[in-house]
Amino acid sequence: MKLGYIEYMDCAHYLPGHPKCGTLHGHTYKVEIVIEGEKKNGMIMDFGDLKLVLKEVLAEYDHRSLNDFLDYPSVENIAEMLQAKLKNRLAFPFLLRVWEGEGKWCEIDSREG
């Protein structure tokens, strides 16, 4: 069974050497997490607990420049960074999708890598 939650963060970044994205600009990132597990006591995990974990991880980056954390903050590298932080906080396998604005996203599975 799967359970999901969506949260947002607003961040600035630039991609060094990129012809279009090489100057500082910002995005609203939609971060979607889907955990997988078995129900215990009627639920996989309380939504409030899942929300707290995701909000605490994203709070470190919200309204900041992602270049302070990554040399090349592409959506792929942002997804890997968030996955590593979330793996330490969740006891479930999860799928993470990071949307960079509308219609553009990267998806990563915690069971891979």
N, C-alpha and C. Protein backbone atom coordinates (compact mmCIF):
# COMPACT_ATOMS: atom_id res chain seq x y z
N MET A 1 0.85 -1.17 0.00
CA MET A 1 0.00 0.00 0.00
C MET A 1 0.90 1.23 0.00
N LYS A 2 0.40 2.31 -0.62
CA LYS A 2 1.19 3.52 -0.73
C LYS A 2 0.46 4.70 -0.10
N LEU A 3 1.25 5.64 0.40
CA LEU A 3 0.72 6.84 1.04
C LEU A 3 1.58 8.01 0.58
N GLY A 4 0.95 9.12 0.21
CA GLY A 4 1.72 10.23 -0.32
C GLY A 4 1.40 11.56 0.32
N TYR A 5 2.34 12.47 0.15
CA TYR A 5 2.19 13.83 0.66
C TYR A 5 2.98 14.77 -0.27
N ILE A 6 2.48 16.00 -0.42
CA ILE A 6 3.13 17.00 -1.26
C ILE A 6 3.40 18.25 -0.43
N GLU A 7 4.60 18.80 -0.60
CA GLU A 7 4.99 20.04 0.07
C GLU A 7 5.73 20.90 -0.96
N TYR A 8 5.95 22.16 -0.64
CA TYR A 8 6.59 23.11 -1.55
C TYR A 8 7.76 23.81 -0.88
N MET A 9 8.72 24.23 -1.71
CA MET A 9 9.79 25.10 -1.24
C MET A 9 10.14 26.06 -2.37
N ASP A 10 10.51 27.26 -2.00
CA ASP A 10 10.92 28.28 -2.97
C ASP A 10 12.42 28.48 -2.82
N CYS A 11 13.13 28.31 -3.92
CA CYS A 11 14.60 28.39 -3.87
C CYS A 11 15.13 29.13 -5.10
N ALA A 12 16.29 29.70 -4.93
CA ALA A 12 17.04 30.28 -6.04
C ALA A 12 18.14 29.30 -6.43
N HIS A 13 18.60 29.40 -7.65
CA HIS A 13 19.77 28.64 -8.08
C HIS A 13 20.23 29.15 -9.44
N TYR A 14 21.41 28.72 -9.82
CA TYR A 14 21.90 28.92 -11.17
C TYR A 14 22.74 27.70 -11.52
N LEU A 15 22.80 27.40 -12.79
CA LEU A 15 23.57 26.24 -13.26
C LEU A 15 24.81 26.76 -13.96
N PRO A 16 25.97 26.67 -13.30
CA PRO A 16 27.21 27.20 -13.86
C PRO A 16 27.46 26.69 -15.28
N GLY A 17 27.70 27.66 -16.18
CA GLY A 17 28.03 27.32 -17.56
C GLY A 17 26.83 27.03 -18.45
N HIS A 18 25.63 26.98 -17.90
CA HIS A 18 24.45 26.69 -18.71
C HIS A 18 24.04 27.96 -19.47
N PRO A 19 23.74 27.86 -20.76
CA PRO A 19 23.45 29.07 -21.55
C PRO A 19 22.18 29.81 -21.10
N LYS A 20 21.17 29.12 -20.66
CA LYS A 20 19.92 29.76 -20.26
C LYS A 20 19.81 29.90 -18.74
N CYS A 21 20.21 28.88 -18.02
CA CYS A 21 20.00 28.83 -16.56
C CYS A 21 21.26 29.19 -15.77
N GLY A 22 22.22 29.84 -16.44
CA GLY A 22 23.48 30.18 -15.80
C GLY A 22 23.43 31.42 -14.93
N THR A 23 22.31 32.15 -14.96
CA THR A 23 22.17 33.31 -14.08
C THR A 23 21.19 32.97 -12.96
N LEU A 24 21.36 33.65 -11.85
CA LEU A 24 20.53 33.38 -10.68
C LEU A 24 19.05 33.61 -10.99
N HIS A 25 18.25 32.63 -10.65
CA HIS A 25 16.80 32.70 -10.84
C HIS A 25 16.15 31.79 -9.81
N GLY A 26 14.84 31.79 -9.74
CA GLY A 26 14.17 31.01 -8.72
C GLY A 26 13.06 30.13 -9.25
N HIS A 27 12.68 29.16 -8.43
CA HIS A 27 11.59 28.23 -8.75
C HIS A 27 10.81 27.95 -7.49
N THR A 28 9.55 27.62 -7.68
CA THR A 28 8.78 26.97 -6.62
C THR A 28 8.87 25.48 -6.93
N TYR A 29 9.49 24.75 -6.03
CA TYR A 29 9.63 23.31 -6.19
C TYR A 29 8.49 22.62 -5.46
N LYS A 30 7.81 21.74 -6.18
CA LYS A 30 6.80 20.89 -5.56
C LYS A 30 7.49 19.56 -5.28
N VAL A 31 7.47 19.14 -4.05
CA VAL A 31 8.16 17.91 -3.66
C VAL A 31 7.11 16.90 -3.21
N GLU A 32 7.04 15.82 -3.94
CA GLU A 32 6.03 14.80 -3.72
C GLU A 32 6.73 13.53 -3.22
N ILE A 33 6.24 13.01 -2.10
CA ILE A 33 6.81 11.77 -1.57
C ILE A 33 5.70 10.73 -1.46
N VAL A 34 6.02 9.51 -1.83
CA VAL A 34 5.10 8.39 -1.72
C VAL A 34 5.84 7.28 -0.99
N ILE A 35 5.37 6.96 0.22
CA ILE A 35 5.98 5.87 0.97
C ILE A 35 5.19 4.59 0.70
N GLU A 36 5.85 3.46 0.94
CA GLU A 36 5.20 2.17 0.73
C GLU A 36 5.40 1.32 1.98
N GLY A 37 4.31 0.71 2.43
CA GLY A 37 4.42 -0.13 3.61
C GLY A 37 3.11 -0.84 3.90
N GLU A 38 3.14 -1.59 4.97
CA GLU A 38 1.96 -2.32 5.43
C GLU A 38 1.28 -1.53 6.53
N LYS A 39 -0.04 -1.63 6.58
CA LYS A 39 -0.79 -0.97 7.65
C LYS A 39 -0.49 -1.64 8.99
N LYS A 40 -0.28 -0.81 9.99
CA LYS A 40 -0.15 -1.27 11.37
C LYS A 40 -1.04 -0.35 12.19
N ASN A 41 -1.92 -0.93 12.97
CA ASN A 41 -2.90 -0.14 13.73
C ASN A 41 -3.73 0.75 12.82
N GLY A 42 -4.06 0.25 11.65
CA GLY A 42 -4.96 0.94 10.75
C GLY A 42 -4.34 1.89 9.75
N MET A 43 -3.03 2.14 9.82
CA MET A 43 -2.40 3.07 8.87
C MET A 43 -0.94 2.70 8.65
N ILE A 44 -0.41 3.17 7.52
CA ILE A 44 1.02 2.97 7.24
C ILE A 44 1.82 3.92 8.11
N MET A 45 1.45 5.19 8.05
CA MET A 45 2.11 6.25 8.82
C MET A 45 1.12 7.38 8.96
N ASP A 46 1.11 8.06 10.06
CA ASP A 46 0.24 9.20 10.24
C ASP A 46 0.64 10.31 9.27
N PHE A 47 -0.34 10.93 8.57
CA PHE A 47 -0.03 12.02 7.65
C PHE A 47 0.73 13.14 8.35
N GLY A 48 0.37 13.42 9.59
CA GLY A 48 1.06 14.48 10.34
C GLY A 48 2.53 14.20 10.51
N ASP A 49 2.88 12.94 10.74
CA ASP A 49 4.29 12.57 10.91
C ASP A 49 5.04 12.66 9.58
N LEU A 50 4.39 12.22 8.50
CA LEU A 50 5.02 12.29 7.17
C LEU A 50 5.22 13.76 6.78
N LYS A 51 4.22 14.58 7.04
CA LYS A 51 4.29 16.02 6.75
C LYS A 51 5.44 16.65 7.52
N LEU A 52 5.57 16.33 8.79
CA LEU A 52 6.63 16.90 9.63
C LEU A 52 8.01 16.55 9.10
N VAL A 53 8.21 15.29 8.73
CA VAL A 53 9.51 14.86 8.20
C VAL A 53 9.86 15.64 6.94
N LEU A 54 8.92 15.71 6.01
CA LEU A 54 9.21 16.39 4.75
C LEU A 54 9.42 17.89 4.97
N LYS A 55 8.58 18.53 5.77
CA LYS A 55 8.73 19.96 6.03
C LYS A 55 10.06 20.28 6.70
N GLU A 56 10.49 19.44 7.65
CA GLU A 56 11.76 19.68 8.33
C GLU A 56 12.94 19.56 7.37
N VAL A 57 12.90 18.60 6.47
CA VAL A 57 13.98 18.45 5.49
C VAL A 57 13.99 19.64 4.53
N LEU A 58 12.84 20.03 4.03
CA LEU A 58 12.78 21.13 3.07
C LEU A 58 13.09 22.48 3.70
N ALA A 59 12.84 22.64 4.99
CA ALA A 59 13.08 23.91 5.67
C ALA A 59 14.54 24.35 5.57
N GLU A 60 15.45 23.39 5.48
CA GLU A 60 16.88 23.72 5.37
C GLU A 60 17.19 24.47 4.07
N TYR A 61 16.37 24.24 3.03
CA TYR A 61 16.64 24.79 1.70
C TYR A 61 15.67 25.90 1.30
N ASP A 62 14.52 25.98 1.94
CA ASP A 62 13.48 26.94 1.54
C ASP A 62 13.98 28.37 1.67
N HIS A 63 13.72 29.16 0.62
CA HIS A 63 14.14 30.57 0.55
C HIS A 63 15.66 30.74 0.68
N ARG A 64 16.37 29.78 0.11
CA ARG A 64 17.83 29.83 0.08
C ARG A 64 18.29 29.60 -1.35
N SER A 65 19.57 29.79 -1.59
CA SER A 65 20.16 29.44 -2.87
C SER A 65 20.66 28.01 -2.80
N LEU A 66 20.20 27.18 -3.72
CA LEU A 66 20.62 25.78 -3.73
C LEU A 66 22.10 25.64 -4.08
N ASN A 67 22.69 26.68 -4.65
CA ASN A 67 24.13 26.66 -4.92
C ASN A 67 24.95 26.65 -3.64
N ASP A 68 24.34 27.01 -2.51
CA ASP A 68 25.03 26.90 -1.22
C ASP A 68 25.19 25.45 -0.80
N PHE A 69 24.45 24.53 -1.43
CA PHE A 69 24.45 23.12 -1.04
C PHE A 69 24.96 22.19 -2.13
N LEU A 70 24.85 22.62 -3.37
CA LEU A 70 25.24 21.78 -4.50
C LEU A 70 26.05 22.61 -5.50
N ASP A 71 27.10 22.01 -6.05
CA ASP A 71 27.90 22.69 -7.08
C ASP A 71 27.08 22.93 -8.35
N TYR A 72 26.23 21.97 -8.68
CA TYR A 72 25.40 22.06 -9.88
C TYR A 72 23.98 21.64 -9.51
N PRO A 73 23.16 22.58 -9.05
CA PRO A 73 21.84 22.24 -8.53
C PRO A 73 20.76 22.03 -9.60
N SER A 74 21.01 21.03 -10.44
CA SER A 74 19.98 20.60 -11.39
C SER A 74 18.89 19.88 -10.60
N VAL A 75 17.73 19.71 -11.19
CA VAL A 75 16.65 19.02 -10.48
C VAL A 75 17.05 17.58 -10.14
N GLU A 76 17.88 16.97 -10.98
CA GLU A 76 18.36 15.62 -10.70
C GLU A 76 19.21 15.59 -9.42
N ASN A 77 20.12 16.56 -9.30
CA ASN A 77 20.98 16.61 -8.12
C ASN A 77 20.20 17.03 -6.88
N ILE A 78 19.20 17.88 -7.05
CA ILE A 78 18.35 18.27 -5.92
C ILE A 78 17.59 17.05 -5.41
N ALA A 79 17.06 16.24 -6.32
CA ALA A 79 16.33 15.03 -5.93
C ALA A 79 17.24 14.07 -5.16
N GLU A 80 18.47 13.90 -5.62
CA GLU A 80 19.41 13.01 -4.91
C GLU A 80 19.74 13.55 -3.53
N MET A 81 19.91 14.86 -3.41
CA MET A 81 20.21 15.47 -2.11
C MET A 81 19.06 15.25 -1.14
N LEU A 82 17.83 15.50 -1.60
CA LEU A 82 16.66 15.33 -0.73
C LEU A 82 16.45 13.86 -0.38
N GLN A 83 16.68 12.98 -1.34
CA GLN A 83 16.54 11.55 -1.07
C GLN A 83 17.48 11.11 0.06
N ALA A 84 18.72 11.57 0.01
CA ALA A 84 19.70 11.19 1.04
C ALA A 84 19.25 11.66 2.42
N LYS A 85 18.72 12.87 2.51
CA LYS A 85 18.24 13.40 3.79
C LYS A 85 17.02 12.61 4.28
N LEU A 86 16.12 12.29 3.38
CA LEU A 86 14.89 11.59 3.76
C LEU A 86 15.15 10.13 4.13
N LYS A 87 16.14 9.51 3.49
CA LYS A 87 16.47 8.12 3.82
C LYS A 87 16.85 7.97 5.30
N ASN A 88 17.48 8.99 5.84
CA ASN A 88 17.88 8.97 7.26
C ASN A 88 16.69 9.17 8.20
N ARG A 89 15.56 9.62 7.69
CA ARG A 89 14.42 9.98 8.52
C ARG A 89 13.22 9.04 8.38
N LEU A 90 13.20 8.22 7.33
CA LEU A 90 12.05 7.36 7.07
C LEU A 90 12.44 5.89 7.08
N ALA A 91 11.59 5.09 7.69
CA ALA A 91 11.83 3.65 7.76
C ALA A 91 11.09 2.90 6.65
N PHE A 92 10.65 3.60 5.63
CA PHE A 92 9.90 3.01 4.53
C PHE A 92 10.61 3.27 3.21
N PRO A 93 10.47 2.36 2.25
CA PRO A 93 10.91 2.71 0.90
C PRO A 93 10.00 3.81 0.38
N PHE A 94 10.55 4.70 -0.44
CA PHE A 94 9.74 5.80 -0.93
C PHE A 94 10.16 6.21 -2.33
N LEU A 95 9.21 6.83 -3.00
CA LEU A 95 9.42 7.43 -4.30
C LEU A 95 9.37 8.93 -4.07
N LEU A 96 10.32 9.65 -4.63
CA LEU A 96 10.39 11.10 -4.47
C LEU A 96 10.33 11.73 -5.85
N ARG A 97 9.42 12.68 -6.01
CA ARG A 97 9.33 13.42 -7.26
C ARG A 97 9.50 14.90 -6.93
N VAL A 98 10.46 15.54 -7.60
CA VAL A 98 10.73 16.96 -7.41
C VAL A 98 10.35 17.68 -8.70
N TRP A 99 9.37 18.56 -8.58
CA TRP A 99 8.88 19.35 -9.72
C TRP A 99 9.58 20.70 -9.70
N GLU A 100 10.17 21.08 -10.82
CA GLU A 100 10.80 22.39 -10.96
C GLU A 100 9.85 23.26 -11.78
N GLY A 101 8.99 23.99 -11.08
CA GLY A 101 7.95 24.76 -11.76
C GLY A 101 6.86 23.82 -12.25
N GLU A 102 6.19 24.21 -13.31
CA GLU A 102 5.09 23.43 -13.88
C GLU A 102 5.58 22.50 -14.98
N GLY A 103 5.19 21.25 -14.89
CA GLY A 103 5.42 20.31 -15.97
C GLY A 103 6.80 19.70 -16.09
N LYS A 104 7.73 20.05 -15.20
CA LYS A 104 9.09 19.52 -15.28
C LYS A 104 9.43 18.85 -13.95
N TRP A 105 9.88 17.59 -13.99
CA TRP A 105 10.16 16.90 -12.73
C TRP A 105 11.23 15.85 -12.90
N CYS A 106 11.75 15.44 -11.75
CA CYS A 106 12.68 14.32 -11.65
C CYS A 106 12.14 13.38 -10.59
N GLU A 107 12.21 12.10 -10.86
CA GLU A 107 11.71 11.09 -9.93
C GLU A 107 12.85 10.15 -9.54
N ILE A 108 12.90 9.83 -8.26
CA ILE A 108 13.96 8.95 -7.76
C ILE A 108 13.34 7.98 -6.74
N ASP A 109 13.78 6.75 -6.77
CA ASP A 109 13.28 5.69 -5.90
C ASP A 109 14.33 5.41 -4.83
N SER A 110 13.93 5.40 -3.58
CA SER A 110 14.89 5.20 -2.48
C SER A 110 15.53 3.82 -2.52
N ARG A 111 14.92 2.89 -3.23
CA ARG A 111 15.49 1.54 -3.34
C ARG A 111 16.61 1.46 -4.37
N GLU A 112 16.77 2.54 -5.14
CA GLU A 112 17.82 2.61 -6.15
C GLU A 112 18.88 3.59 -5.69
N GLY A 113 20.06 3.16 -5.60
CA GLY A 113 21.16 4.07 -5.26
C GLY A 113 21.25 4.54 -3.88
